[in-house]
């Protein structure tokens, strides 16, 4: 029962990944490499204006948002 609930949660997260992700998981930004969890970064919105987003799990060595990558990883 618990395993089924966890599996259902992962499926829901995978389905909602485009809505929950803060940035494109494949976007590489060398200016924000290895940011600590909770730090802020500036990204370009769809309309071209800059906006500030929090990187909840930090960024990796290429500057990719780890939170967004985990959400999209649930889609596999």
C-alpha atoms as a PDB file:
ATOM      1  CA  UNK A   1       0.000   0.000   0.000  1.00  0.00           C
ATOM      2  CA  UNK A   2       2.782   2.429   0.915  1.00  0.00           C
ATOM      3  CA  UNK A   3       4.758   1.487  -2.188  1.00  0.00           C
ATOM      4  CA  UNK A   4       1.724   2.143  -4.382  1.00  0.00           C
ATOM      5  CA  UNK A   5       1.266   5.561  -2.804  1.00  0.00           C
ATOM      6  CA  UNK A   6       4.894   6.502  -3.378  1.00  0.00           C
ATOM      7  CA  UNK A   7       4.674   5.277  -6.972  1.00  0.00           C
ATOM      8  CA  UNK A   8       1.494   7.325  -7.533  1.00  0.00           C
ATOM      9  CA  UNK A   9       3.221  10.412  -6.108  1.00  0.00           C
ATOM     10  CA  UNK A  10       6.174   9.970  -8.481  1.00  0.00           C
ATOM     11  CA  UNK A  11       3.780   9.591 -11.432  1.00  0.00           C
ATOM     12  CA  UNK A  12       1.902  12.775 -10.477  1.00  0.00           C
ATOM     13  CA  UNK A  13       5.166  14.703 -10.064  1.00  0.00           C
ATOM     14  CA  UNK A  14       6.307  13.473 -13.470  1.00  0.00           C
ATOM     15  CA  UNK A  15       3.064  14.573 -15.087  1.00  0.00           C
ATOM     16  CA  UNK A  16       3.170  18.008 -13.438  1.00  0.00           C
ATOM     17  CA  UNK A  17       6.903  18.583 -14.019  1.00  0.00           C
ATOM     18  CA  UNK A  18       6.389  21.284 -16.687  1.00  0.00           C
ATOM     19  CA  UNK A  19       4.178  23.232 -14.266  1.00  0.00           C
ATOM     20  CA  UNK A  20       6.321  22.750 -11.148  1.00  0.00           C
ATOM     21  CA  UNK A  21       9.784  23.290 -12.632  1.00  0.00           C
ATOM     22  CA  UNK A  22      11.300  26.733 -12.123  1.00  0.00           C
ATOM     23  CA  UNK A  23      13.505  26.672 -15.240  1.00  0.00           C
ATOM     24  CA  UNK A  24      14.333  24.525 -18.245  1.00  0.00           C
ATOM     25  CA  UNK A  25      16.231  21.516 -16.833  1.00  0.00           C
ATOM     26  CA  UNK A  26      18.655  21.461 -19.771  1.00  0.00           C
ATOM     27  CA  UNK A  27      19.480  25.187 -19.667  1.00  0.00           C
ATOM     28  CA  UNK A  28      23.212  25.641 -19.050  1.00  0.00           C
ATOM     29  CA  UNK A  29      24.278  28.872 -17.349  1.00  0.00           C
ATOM     30  CA  UNK A  30      27.976  28.972 -16.377  1.00  0.00           C
ATOM     31  CA  UNK A  31      27.460  32.188 -14.383  1.00  0.00           C
ATOM     32  CA  UNK A  32      25.533  30.310 -11.669  1.00  0.00           C
ATOM     33  CA  UNK A  33      27.651  27.178 -11.302  1.00  0.00           C
ATOM     34  CA  UNK A  34      27.532  25.351  -7.958  1.00  0.00           C
ATOM     35  CA  UNK A  35      24.984  27.657  -6.301  1.00  0.00           C
ATOM     36  CA  UNK A  36      23.917  26.603  -2.843  1.00  0.00           C
ATOM     37  CA  UNK A  37      20.333  25.439  -2.232  1.00  0.00           C
ATOM     38  CA  UNK A  38      17.948  28.352  -1.721  1.00  0.00           C
ATOM     39  CA  UNK A  39      20.068  30.857  -3.647  1.00  0.00           C
ATOM     40  CA  UNK A  40      18.484  33.127  -6.234  1.00  0.00           C
ATOM     41  CA  UNK A  41      19.279  33.349  -9.926  1.00  0.00           C
ATOM     42  CA  UNK A  42      18.040  35.559 -12.731  1.00  0.00           C
ATOM     43  CA  UNK A  43      16.560  33.923 -15.830  1.00  0.00           C
ATOM     44  CA  UNK A  44      14.800  35.235 -18.925  1.00  0.00           C
ATOM     45  CA  UNK A  45      11.048  34.716 -18.949  1.00  0.00           C
ATOM     46  CA  UNK A  46       9.181  33.680 -22.099  1.00  0.00           C
ATOM     47  CA  UNK A  47       8.438  37.322 -22.871  1.00  0.00           C
ATOM     48  CA  UNK A  48      12.150  38.199 -22.676  1.00  0.00           C
ATOM     49  CA  UNK A  49      12.061  40.044 -19.362  1.00  0.00           C
ATOM     50  CA  UNK A  50      14.395  38.939 -16.578  1.00  0.00           C
ATOM     51  CA  UNK A  51      12.879  37.301 -13.505  1.00  0.00           C
ATOM     52  CA  UNK A  52      14.413  36.044 -10.287  1.00  0.00           C
ATOM     53  CA  UNK A  53      13.844  32.411  -9.300  1.00  0.00           C
ATOM     54  CA  UNK A  54      15.058  30.417  -6.315  1.00  0.00           C
ATOM     55  CA  UNK A  55      17.154  27.341  -6.937  1.00  0.00           C
ATOM     56  CA  UNK A  56      15.612  25.101  -4.268  1.00  0.00           C
ATOM     57  CA  UNK A  57      18.216  22.337  -4.600  1.00  0.00           C
ATOM     58  CA  UNK A  58      21.046  24.475  -5.943  1.00  0.00           C
ATOM     59  CA  UNK A  59      22.807  24.145  -9.291  1.00  0.00           C
ATOM     60  CA  UNK A  60      25.328  21.664 -10.637  1.00  0.00           C
ATOM     61  CA  UNK A  61      28.780  22.280 -12.122  1.00  0.00           C
ATOM     62  CA  UNK A  62      27.240  23.363 -15.439  1.00  0.00           C
ATOM     63  CA  UNK A  63      24.778  25.784 -13.819  1.00  0.00           C
ATOM     64  CA  UNK A  64      21.677  23.623 -14.372  1.00  0.00           C
ATOM     65  CA  UNK A  65      18.868  23.770 -11.800  1.00  0.00           C
ATOM     66  CA  UNK A  66      18.915  20.497  -9.819  1.00  0.00           C
ATOM     67  CA  UNK A  67      15.255  20.824  -8.677  1.00  0.00           C
ATOM     68  CA  UNK A  68      14.012  21.073 -12.267  1.00  0.00           C
ATOM     69  CA  UNK A  69      16.206  18.157 -13.314  1.00  0.00           C
ATOM     70  CA  UNK A  70      14.823  15.947 -10.514  1.00  0.00           C
ATOM     71  CA  UNK A  71      11.228  16.786 -11.482  1.00  0.00           C
ATOM     72  CA  UNK A  72      11.853  15.981 -15.129  1.00  0.00           C
ATOM     73  CA  UNK A  73      13.772  12.869 -14.087  1.00  0.00           C
ATOM     74  CA  UNK A  74      10.536  11.482 -12.634  1.00  0.00           C
ATOM     75  CA  UNK A  75       9.203  11.335 -16.198  1.00  0.00           C
ATOM     76  CA  UNK A  76      11.565   8.500 -17.095  1.00  0.00           C
END
